[in-house]
Protein backbone atom coordinates (compact mmCIF):
# COMPACT_ATOMS: atom_id res chain seq x y z
CA UNK A 1 26.61 2.08 21.76
CA UNK A 2 23.41 4.05 22.09
CA UNK A 3 21.32 5.17 19.10
CA UNK A 4 18.52 7.52 18.66
CA UNK A 5 15.86 6.56 15.76
CA UNK A 6 13.67 9.52 15.14
CA UNK A 7 10.15 8.64 13.90
CA UNK A 8 7.20 6.65 14.89
CA UNK A 9 6.14 4.43 12.08
CA UNK A 10 6.90 0.89 11.06
CA UNK A 11 10.24 1.74 9.54
CA UNK A 12 11.60 3.16 12.67
CA UNK A 13 10.28 0.14 14.55
CA UNK A 14 12.29 -1.85 12.23
CA UNK A 15 15.34 0.12 12.40
CA UNK A 16 15.39 -0.01 16.37
CA UNK A 17 14.68 -3.91 16.00
CA UNK A 18 17.60 -4.39 13.51
CA UNK A 19 19.81 -2.14 15.65
CA UNK A 20 19.18 -4.31 18.84
CA UNK A 21 20.10 -7.28 17.12
CA UNK A 22 23.86 -6.17 17.48
CA UNK A 23 25.72 -6.97 20.43
CA UNK A 24 27.29 -3.72 19.90
CA UNK A 25 24.25 -1.77 20.55
CA UNK A 26 23.46 -1.12 24.20
CA UNK A 27 20.12 0.81 23.96
CA UNK A 28 17.86 2.35 21.25
CA UNK A 29 15.93 5.53 22.04
CA UNK A 30 12.89 6.42 19.85
CA UNK A 31 11.75 9.79 19.21
CA UNK A 32 8.94 9.68 19.77
CA UNK A 33 8.39 5.83 18.86
CA UNK A 34 5.26 3.93 18.82
CA UNK A 35 3.33 0.96 20.78
CA UNK A 36 5.89 -1.54 19.48
CA UNK A 37 8.89 0.35 20.46
CA UNK A 38 7.81 1.12 23.95
CA UNK A 39 7.72 -2.75 24.78
CA UNK A 40 11.06 -3.67 23.10
CA UNK A 41 13.83 -4.65 25.57
CA UNK A 42 16.68 -2.08 25.63
CA UNK A 43 14.45 0.28 23.75
CA UNK A 44 12.93 3.46 25.30
CA UNK A 45 10.48 5.94 23.71
CA UNK A 46 11.35 9.54 24.34
CA UNK A 47 8.29 12.00 24.48
CA UNK A 48 9.90 14.49 22.01
CA UNK A 49 8.65 15.98 18.99
CA UNK A 50 10.71 15.08 15.67
CA UNK A 51 11.11 18.93 15.05
CA UNK A 52 12.51 19.69 18.36
CA UNK A 53 16.11 19.32 17.19
CA UNK A 54 17.55 21.00 20.21
CA UNK A 55 15.88 18.71 22.72
CA UNK A 56 17.15 15.66 20.54
CA UNK A 57 20.70 17.29 20.49
CA UNK A 58 20.79 17.78 24.43
CA UNK A 59 19.69 14.21 25.00
CA UNK A 60 22.09 12.75 22.69
CA UNK A 61 24.92 14.55 24.31
CA UNK A 62 23.66 13.86 27.94
CA UNK A 63 23.44 10.34 27.25
CA UNK A 64 26.63 9.52 25.09
CA UNK A 65 24.74 8.64 21.79
CA UNK A 66 26.97 7.48 19.32
CA UNK A 67 24.38 8.04 16.16
CA UNK A 68 21.23 9.52 15.35
CA UNK A 69 19.33 7.93 12.71
CA UNK A 70 16.56 9.65 10.95
CA UNK A 71 13.62 7.81 9.68
CA UNK A 72 10.91 10.39 8.07
CA UNK A 73 11.41 12.83 5.50
CA UNK A 74 9.89 15.67 7.43
CA UNK A 75 12.58 16.32 10.05
CA UNK A 76 14.99 15.88 7.39
CA UNK A 77 13.47 18.44 4.98
CA UNK A 78 13.53 20.86 8.13
CA UNK A 79 17.19 20.33 8.64
CA UNK A 80 17.73 18.02 11.72
CA UNK A 81 20.84 16.85 10.24
CA UNK A 82 22.18 20.36 9.75
CA UNK A 83 21.29 21.24 13.49
CA UNK A 84 23.00 17.94 14.76
CA UNK A 85 26.03 18.32 12.64
CA UNK A 86 26.54 21.77 14.09
CA UNK A 87 26.38 20.13 17.41
CA UNK A 88 28.95 17.65 16.37
CA UNK A 89 26.58 14.79 16.80
CA UNK A 90 26.71 11.93 14.08
CA UNK A 91 23.71 11.73 12.16
CA UNK A 92 22.53 9.33 9.31
CA UNK A 93 20.39 11.40 6.88
CA UNK A 94 21.06 14.18 4.45
CA UNK A 95 21.15 17.73 5.16
CA UNK A 96 18.19 20.14 4.24
CA UNK A 97 19.90 20.90 1.07
CA UNK A 98 20.06 17.22 0.18
CA UNK A 99 16.51 16.47 1.46
CA UNK A 100 15.26 18.59 -1.49
CA UNK A 101 15.55 15.61 -3.48
CA UNK A 102 12.21 14.42 -2.05
CA UNK A 103 11.00 17.81 -0.51
CA UNK A 104 10.57 19.38 -3.93
CA UNK A 105 9.61 17.14 -7.02
CA UNK A 106 10.43 20.00 -9.29
CA UNK A 107 13.78 20.40 -7.79
CA UNK A 108 14.35 16.69 -8.39
CA UNK A 109 13.37 16.94 -11.83
CA UNK A 110 15.86 19.78 -12.38
CA UNK A 111 18.54 17.63 -10.81
CA UNK A 112 17.73 14.64 -13.15
CA UNK A 113 17.96 16.67 -16.06
CA UNK A 114 21.48 18.09 -15.09
CA UNK A 115 22.54 14.52 -14.22
CA UNK A 116 20.97 13.09 -17.67
CA UNK A 117 19.20 10.53 -15.62
CA UNK A 118 16.45 8.56 -17.56
CA UNK A 119 12.88 9.83 -16.39
CA UNK A 120 9.57 10.97 -17.81
CA UNK A 121 8.90 13.98 -19.70
CA UNK A 122 7.51 16.49 -17.25
CA UNK A 123 6.58 20.15 -16.80
CA UNK A 124 6.16 22.41 -13.70
CA UNK A 125 3.37 24.77 -13.09
CA UNK A 126 2.58 27.60 -10.59
CA UNK A 127 -0.71 28.47 -12.10
CA UNK A 128 -3.72 26.20 -12.40
CA UNK A 129 -5.08 27.66 -15.71
CA UNK A 130 -1.78 26.93 -17.26
CA UNK A 131 -1.45 23.49 -15.99
CA UNK A 132 -5.10 22.57 -17.05
CA UNK A 133 -4.25 23.98 -20.63
CA UNK A 134 -1.13 21.61 -20.71
CA UNK A 135 -3.17 18.77 -19.65
CA UNK A 136 -5.76 19.18 -22.39
CA UNK A 137 -2.95 19.39 -25.01
CA UNK A 138 -1.24 16.40 -23.72
CA UNK A 139 -4.27 14.15 -23.02
CA UNK A 140 -4.56 11.31 -20.70
CA UNK A 141 -3.58 9.12 -19.08
CA UNK A 142 -1.20 11.63 -17.30
CA UNK A 143 0.74 11.81 -13.93
CA UNK A 144 -0.23 14.77 -11.61
CA UNK A 145 2.18 15.49 -8.58
CA UNK A 146 1.99 17.92 -5.93
CA UNK A 147 5.31 19.50 -5.48
CA UNK A 148 5.98 18.98 -1.86
CA UNK A 149 5.73 16.57 1.00
CA UNK A 150 2.55 14.46 0.87
CA UNK A 151 3.20 11.50 2.92
CA UNK A 152 3.42 9.36 -0.22
CA UNK A 153 0.02 10.28 -1.23
CA UNK A 154 0.39 13.06 -3.41
CA UNK A 155 0.35 11.51 -6.75
CA UNK A 156 -2.79 11.02 -9.10
CA UNK A 157 -2.03 8.55 -12.24
CA UNK A 158 -5.16 10.13 -13.94
CA UNK A 159 -6.83 8.08 -16.55
CA UNK A 160 -9.02 10.94 -18.01
CA UNK A 161 -8.57 14.66 -18.64
CA UNK A 162 -11.35 15.25 -16.17
CA UNK A 163 -9.64 13.27 -13.39
CA UNK A 164 -6.22 15.20 -14.17
CA UNK A 165 -7.90 18.58 -14.10
CA UNK A 166 -9.61 17.69 -10.53
CA UNK A 167 -6.22 16.60 -9.12
CA UNK A 168 -4.65 19.79 -10.15
CA UNK A 169 -7.60 21.86 -8.63
CA UNK A 170 -7.26 19.86 -5.37
CA UNK A 171 -3.48 20.58 -5.16
CA UNK A 172 -3.71 24.43 -5.60
CA UNK A 173 -6.44 24.34 -3.32
CA UNK A 174 -4.37 22.68 -0.77
CA UNK A 175 -1.19 24.03 0.71
CA UNK A 176 0.89 23.48 -2.57
CA UNK A 177 2.28 26.10 -4.82
CA UNK A 178 3.44 24.05 -7.61
CA UNK A 179 2.29 21.00 -9.61
CA UNK A 180 4.59 18.87 -11.67
CA UNK A 181 2.92 17.11 -14.59
CA UNK A 182 4.52 14.06 -16.14
CA UNK A 183 3.99 11.75 -19.13
CA UNK A 184 2.40 8.35 -17.87
CA UNK A 185 5.37 5.77 -17.96
CA UNK A 186 4.08 2.19 -18.70
CA UNK A 187 5.73 -1.08 -16.88
CA UNK A 188 6.34 -2.25 -13.49
CA UNK A 189 7.70 -0.64 -10.46
CA UNK A 190 10.65 -1.33 -8.35
CA UNK A 191 12.15 0.58 -5.31
CA UNK A 192 16.08 0.70 -5.22
CA UNK A 193 17.34 1.96 -1.83
CA UNK A 194 21.10 2.66 -1.49
CA UNK A 195 23.42 3.78 1.15
CA UNK A 196 25.85 6.59 0.47
CA UNK A 197 28.56 8.75 2.19
CA UNK A 198 28.28 11.36 -0.51
CA UNK A 199 31.08 9.53 -2.32
CA UNK A 200 30.36 5.78 -2.68
CA UNK A 201 27.18 4.03 -3.30
CA UNK A 202 26.10 0.69 -1.82
CA UNK A 203 22.73 -0.51 -3.08
CA UNK A 204 20.52 -2.70 -0.86
CA UNK A 205 18.34 -5.50 -1.98
CA UNK A 206 15.85 -4.03 -4.68
CA UNK A 207 12.07 -4.19 -3.14
CA UNK A 208 8.75 -3.99 -4.57
CA UNK A 209 6.13 -1.76 -2.87
CA UNK A 210 2.36 -2.14 -3.41
CA UNK A 211 1.01 1.50 -3.45
CA UNK A 212 -2.63 1.43 -4.21
CA UNK A 213 -4.97 0.38 -1.63
CA UNK A 214 -6.89 -2.31 -3.53
CA UNK A 215 -5.82 -5.93 -4.82
CA UNK A 216 -4.71 -5.93 -8.53
CA UNK A 217 -3.30 -2.15 -7.92
CA UNK A 218 -6.59 -0.65 -7.86
CA UNK A 219 -8.01 2.48 -5.90
CA UNK A 220 -5.96 5.41 -4.66
CA UNK A 221 -2.47 5.58 -3.58
CA UNK A 222 -1.39 5.14 -0.33
CA UNK A 223 1.89 5.37 1.77
CA UNK A 224 2.31 1.71 0.77
CA UNK A 225 0.38 -1.49 1.65
CA UNK A 226 3.03 -3.87 1.77
CA UNK A 227 6.35 -4.85 0.11
CA UNK A 228 8.99 -7.65 -0.71
CA UNK A 229 12.56 -8.35 -1.37
CA UNK A 230 14.46 -9.24 -3.37
CA UNK A 231 12.23 -8.19 -6.34
CA UNK A 232 12.94 -10.57 -9.17
CA UNK A 233 12.10 -7.90 -11.51
CA UNK A 234 15.74 -6.12 -10.79
CA UNK A 235 18.10 -8.61 -12.00
CA UNK A 236 21.66 -8.17 -10.91
CA UNK A 237 22.43 -6.79 -14.39
CA UNK A 238 19.59 -4.36 -14.24
CA UNK A 239 20.61 -3.22 -10.52
CA UNK A 240 24.23 -2.83 -11.96
CA UNK A 241 22.78 -0.58 -14.56
CA UNK A 242 20.55 1.33 -12.17
CA UNK A 243 23.77 2.30 -9.92
CA UNK A 244 25.70 3.28 -13.12
CA UNK A 245 22.98 5.18 -14.86
CA UNK A 246 21.00 6.67 -11.75
CA UNK A 247 22.49 6.42 -8.36
CA UNK A 248 26.10 7.34 -9.38
CA UNK A 249 25.29 10.38 -11.59
CA UNK A 250 22.89 11.48 -8.63
CA UNK A 251 25.66 11.66 -6.04
CA UNK A 252 28.01 13.34 -8.56
CA UNK A 253 25.64 15.97 -9.35
CA UNK A 254 24.96 16.73 -5.82
CA UNK A 255 28.53 16.79 -4.99
CA UNK A 256 28.98 19.23 -8.07
CA UNK A 257 26.14 21.34 -6.44
CA UNK A 258 28.23 21.45 -3.25
CA UNK A 259 25.61 19.22 -1.32
CA UNK A 260 27.33 16.39 0.81
CA UNK A 261 24.62 13.68 0.84
CA UNK A 262 24.78 11.29 3.47
CA UNK A 263 22.13 8.57 4.07
CA UNK A 264 19.90 6.85 2.02
CA UNK A 265 19.08 7.74 -1.51
CA UNK A 266 15.98 5.79 -2.71
CA UNK A 267 15.13 5.66 -6.36
CA UNK A 268 11.41 4.67 -7.29
CA UNK A 269 11.78 3.25 -10.70
CA UNK A 270 9.50 2.15 -13.53
CA UNK A 271 10.86 -0.56 -15.66
CA UNK A 272 9.65 -0.65 -19.10
CA UNK A 273 8.30 -4.05 -20.79
CA UNK A 274 11.55 -3.78 -22.58
CA UNK A 275 13.58 -3.61 -19.32
CA UNK A 276 14.59 0.19 -19.49
CA UNK A 277 14.49 1.82 -16.10
CA UNK A 278 13.14 5.20 -15.68
CA UNK A 279 13.09 7.27 -12.45
CA UNK A 280 9.47 8.06 -11.14
CA UNK A 281 10.80 9.81 -7.98
CA UNK A 282 13.68 10.15 -5.33
CA UNK A 283 13.42 9.81 -1.72
CA UNK A 284 15.83 10.97 0.80
CA UNK A 285 15.23 8.18 3.63
CA UNK A 286 14.40 4.60 3.99
CA UNK A 287 11.18 3.66 2.31
CA UNK A 288 8.09 2.47 4.43
CA UNK A 289 7.25 -0.64 4.02
CA UNK A 290 10.51 -1.49 1.94
CA UNK A 291 12.44 -1.13 4.95
CA UNK A 292 10.42 -4.03 6.76
CA UNK A 293 11.09 -6.19 3.93
CA UNK A 294 14.77 -5.36 3.39
CA UNK A 295 16.53 -5.14 6.74
CA UNK A 296 15.40 -8.67 8.09
CA UNK A 297 17.36 -10.04 5.22
CA UNK A 298 20.58 -7.68 6.27
CA UNK A 299 23.47 -9.88 7.72
CA UNK A 300 25.97 -6.90 7.92
CA UNK A 301 25.40 -4.82 11.24
CA UNK A 302 23.33 -1.70 10.25
CA UNK A 303 24.99 0.55 12.44
CA UNK A 304 28.59 -0.35 11.03
CA UNK A 305 27.15 0.65 7.60
CA UNK A 306 25.54 3.99 8.82
CA UNK A 307 28.58 5.09 10.87
CA UNK A 308 30.89 4.30 7.89
CA UNK A 309 28.48 6.62 6.04
CA UNK A 310 28.95 9.34 8.51
CA UNK A 311 32.63 8.90 8.48
CA UNK A 312 32.70 9.00 4.70
CA UNK A 313 34.65 5.68 4.63
CA UNK A 314 31.86 3.51 3.01
CA UNK A 315 34.42 2.32 0.28
CA UNK A 316 36.61 0.73 3.13
CA UNK A 317 33.63 -1.38 4.05
CA UNK A 318 33.40 -5.03 2.51
CA UNK A 319 30.57 -6.17 0.53
CA UNK A 320 27.15 -6.08 2.37
CA UNK A 321 26.16 -9.49 3.40
CA UNK A 322 22.58 -10.87 3.04
CA UNK A 323 20.67 -13.84 4.27
CA UNK A 324 19.41 -16.09 1.54
CA UNK A 325 15.74 -16.42 0.77
CA UNK A 326 12.90 -13.57 0.58
CA UNK A 327 11.00 -11.37 2.72
CA UNK A 328 7.45 -10.09 2.71
CA UNK A 329 5.47 -7.44 4.63
CA UNK A 330 1.91 -7.11 4.59
CA UNK A 331 0.46 -3.81 5.97
CA UNK A 332 -2.58 -4.15 8.16
CA UNK A 333 -4.47 -0.65 7.80
CA UNK A 334 -7.30 0.98 9.48
CA UNK A 335 -10.89 0.89 7.98
CA UNK A 336 -11.41 4.02 5.56
CA UNK A 337 -7.50 4.49 4.89
CA UNK A 338 -6.17 6.43 2.80
CA UNK A 339 -9.15 8.55 3.63
CA UNK A 340 -10.94 9.17 6.95
CA UNK A 341 -10.49 6.48 9.67
CA UNK A 342 -11.08 5.97 13.24
CA UNK A 343 -8.36 5.65 16.08
CA UNK A 344 -8.09 3.90 19.47
CA UNK A 345 -9.36 0.42 18.31
CA UNK A 346 -8.05 -2.51 20.50
CA UNK A 347 -5.50 -4.86 18.71
CA UNK A 348 -5.29 -8.48 19.59
CA UNK A 349 -3.63 -11.40 18.34
CA UNK A 350 0.01 -10.11 17.99
CA UNK A 351 1.52 -12.60 20.10
CA UNK A 352 -0.25 -15.33 18.65
CA UNK A 353 0.97 -14.06 15.19
CA UNK A 354 4.43 -14.25 16.07
CA UNK A 355 4.18 -17.86 17.15
CA UNK A 356 3.96 -18.48 13.17
CA UNK A 357 7.43 -17.08 12.95
CA UNK A 358 6.44 -13.66 11.62
CA UNK A 359 7.75 -10.38 12.80
CA UNK A 360 4.95 -7.85 13.67
CA UNK A 361 6.43 -4.11 13.20
CA UNK A 362 3.96 -1.43 14.59
CA UNK A 363 3.24 1.76 12.66
CA UNK A 364 0.25 3.35 13.72
CA UNK A 365 -0.13 2.24 17.27
CA UNK A 366 -0.02 3.44 20.80
CA UNK A 367 -0.39 1.72 24.31
CA UNK A 368 -3.49 2.12 26.49
CA UNK A 369 -1.30 2.47 29.38
CA UNK A 370 2.12 3.02 30.48
CA UNK A 371 4.39 -0.13 29.32
CA UNK A 372 4.81 -1.17 33.11
CA UNK A 373 1.17 -1.63 33.60
CA UNK A 374 0.35 -4.44 31.12
CA UNK A 375 -1.06 -2.36 28.31
CA UNK A 376 -2.98 -3.22 25.21
CA UNK A 377 -2.03 -1.70 21.87
CA UNK A 378 -4.44 0.47 20.13
CA UNK A 379 -4.74 1.66 16.60
CA UNK A 380 -3.24 5.21 16.15
CA UNK A 381 -2.84 5.73 12.40
CA UNK A 382 -3.88 4.61 9.02
CA UNK A 383 -1.20 1.96 8.60
CA UNK A 384 -1.33 0.07 11.65
CA UNK A 385 1.11 -2.96 11.55
CA UNK A 386 3.40 -4.51 9.07
CA UNK A 387 3.32 -8.09 9.32
CA UNK A 388 6.71 -9.35 8.24
CA UNK A 389 8.07 -12.90 7.40
CA UNK A 390 11.15 -14.45 6.01
CA UNK A 391 11.10 -17.56 3.86
CA UNK A 392 13.49 -19.94 1.97
CA UNK A 393 11.46 -18.66 -1.01
CA UNK A 394 9.04 -16.09 -1.84
CA UNK A 395 5.98 -18.59 -1.58
CA UNK A 396 7.05 -19.59 2.01
CA UNK A 397 7.43 -15.79 3.39
CA UNK A 398 3.82 -14.88 1.81
CA UNK A 399 2.52 -18.19 3.44
CA UNK A 400 3.66 -17.22 6.62
CA UNK A 401 3.18 -13.51 6.53
CA UNK A 402 -0.72 -14.12 5.71
CA UNK A 403 -0.89 -16.83 8.47
CA UNK A 404 0.24 -14.24 10.94
CA UNK A 405 -2.12 -11.49 9.51
CA UNK A 406 -5.01 -13.88 10.08
CA UNK A 407 -4.34 -14.09 13.75
CA UNK A 408 -4.58 -10.41 14.38
CA UNK A 409 -7.88 -8.55 14.91
CA UNK A 410 -8.90 -4.98 15.26
CA UNK A 411 -12.10 -3.42 14.14
CA UNK A 412 -12.16 -2.25 10.56
CA UNK A 413 -8.78 -4.02 9.66
CA UNK A 414 -7.95 -4.31 6.20
CA UNK A 415 -5.05 -5.79 4.14
CA UNK A 416 -4.46 -6.48 0.54
CA UNK A 417 -4.37 -10.27 -0.18
CA UNK A 418 -2.07 -10.14 -3.15
CA UNK A 419 1.24 -8.89 -1.57
CA UNK A 420 4.23 -10.20 -3.76
CA UNK A 421 2.24 -12.03 -6.37
CA UNK A 422 4.06 -10.40 -8.99
CA UNK A 423 7.11 -12.23 -7.89
CA UNK A 424 5.38 -15.57 -8.28
CA UNK A 425 4.14 -14.80 -11.56
CA UNK A 426 7.59 -13.53 -12.88
CA UNK A 427 8.92 -16.98 -11.54
CA UNK A 428 6.24 -18.91 -13.43
């Protein structure tokens, strides 16, 4: 079996790595891939753009590709699944209509209202003046969201009215026509990702992302500075409740709207101190870095699950099997991220880091020369590496991940030092 993975981040490196663990998978092609996928055995980067649907389809047909797995939200929101399906190419990822669940926060809010899914009180504005008047009436803290794709960074949790007003002004000065303003929910966040064929839902292990740049959840939001799974916050009973109250109504309402949703439905949830789940956001794809923490624990072949989704036979699949233990991913970022940062910094120590038992997933990297000329990895993005480790318990996974982080160097390298500490506190 040959598979195309669309995307170039840590999530896509993880998907390719997971596929290649299976004896059923002969080769993986990454569009365009990164410095990590470039040097993996039986993996090949293709110099194509993620939005060049025609070229991707042509390559898939010419090379007898069995499945296209789409990583990022951008090509999904542009209709890659629609195009590939029109060419009879199996694709794991929702159509453009389904991807609206992430591409438009206002659309997602309307869907939640229709499906009676628990979420924060909100209002949508196309006029900055009206939005600011609403903020002044509601007061702070309050949450300001750009209505569109913002690579995980379009959300401001404003502690003051002045901060909220500034966020609204920034959004309307940017490329956004709408803003969603929400009440600020109190509690702890958890990510529940589920596979679906549009009829059946299969939740994966719950994970917890760390979105803020600084230790103790301080500083601005990022695309994610680390994750771990399973998250003890989401007990089996709570996961069952999320499936019943959030995931199933979402898929049923999409069906009712005539949208056949195949792929991942990702619910970002706030769990209140009393244990009540409310949806903060939906995403239409695997999370990054949650994927790096979830997939290393997956025992069931990933390609079997994805193909079952594309053929609407997920209900026939046996229960998903998981390794015991825990998995932790620590993101190493470029200095200055999520603001301005420099690229092209030499990365050393990856091989040494992997001798600890950790797996180093590349995110924002490229090679200094073609793979056959013994190239060196260079930084090429804000989030550079996802240093990932499995342990018998969360403490062991944390220790291995950070032992590996400490062996990797590049100029300006930064990582949070408190990834998964909430899991330890919960155990205590």
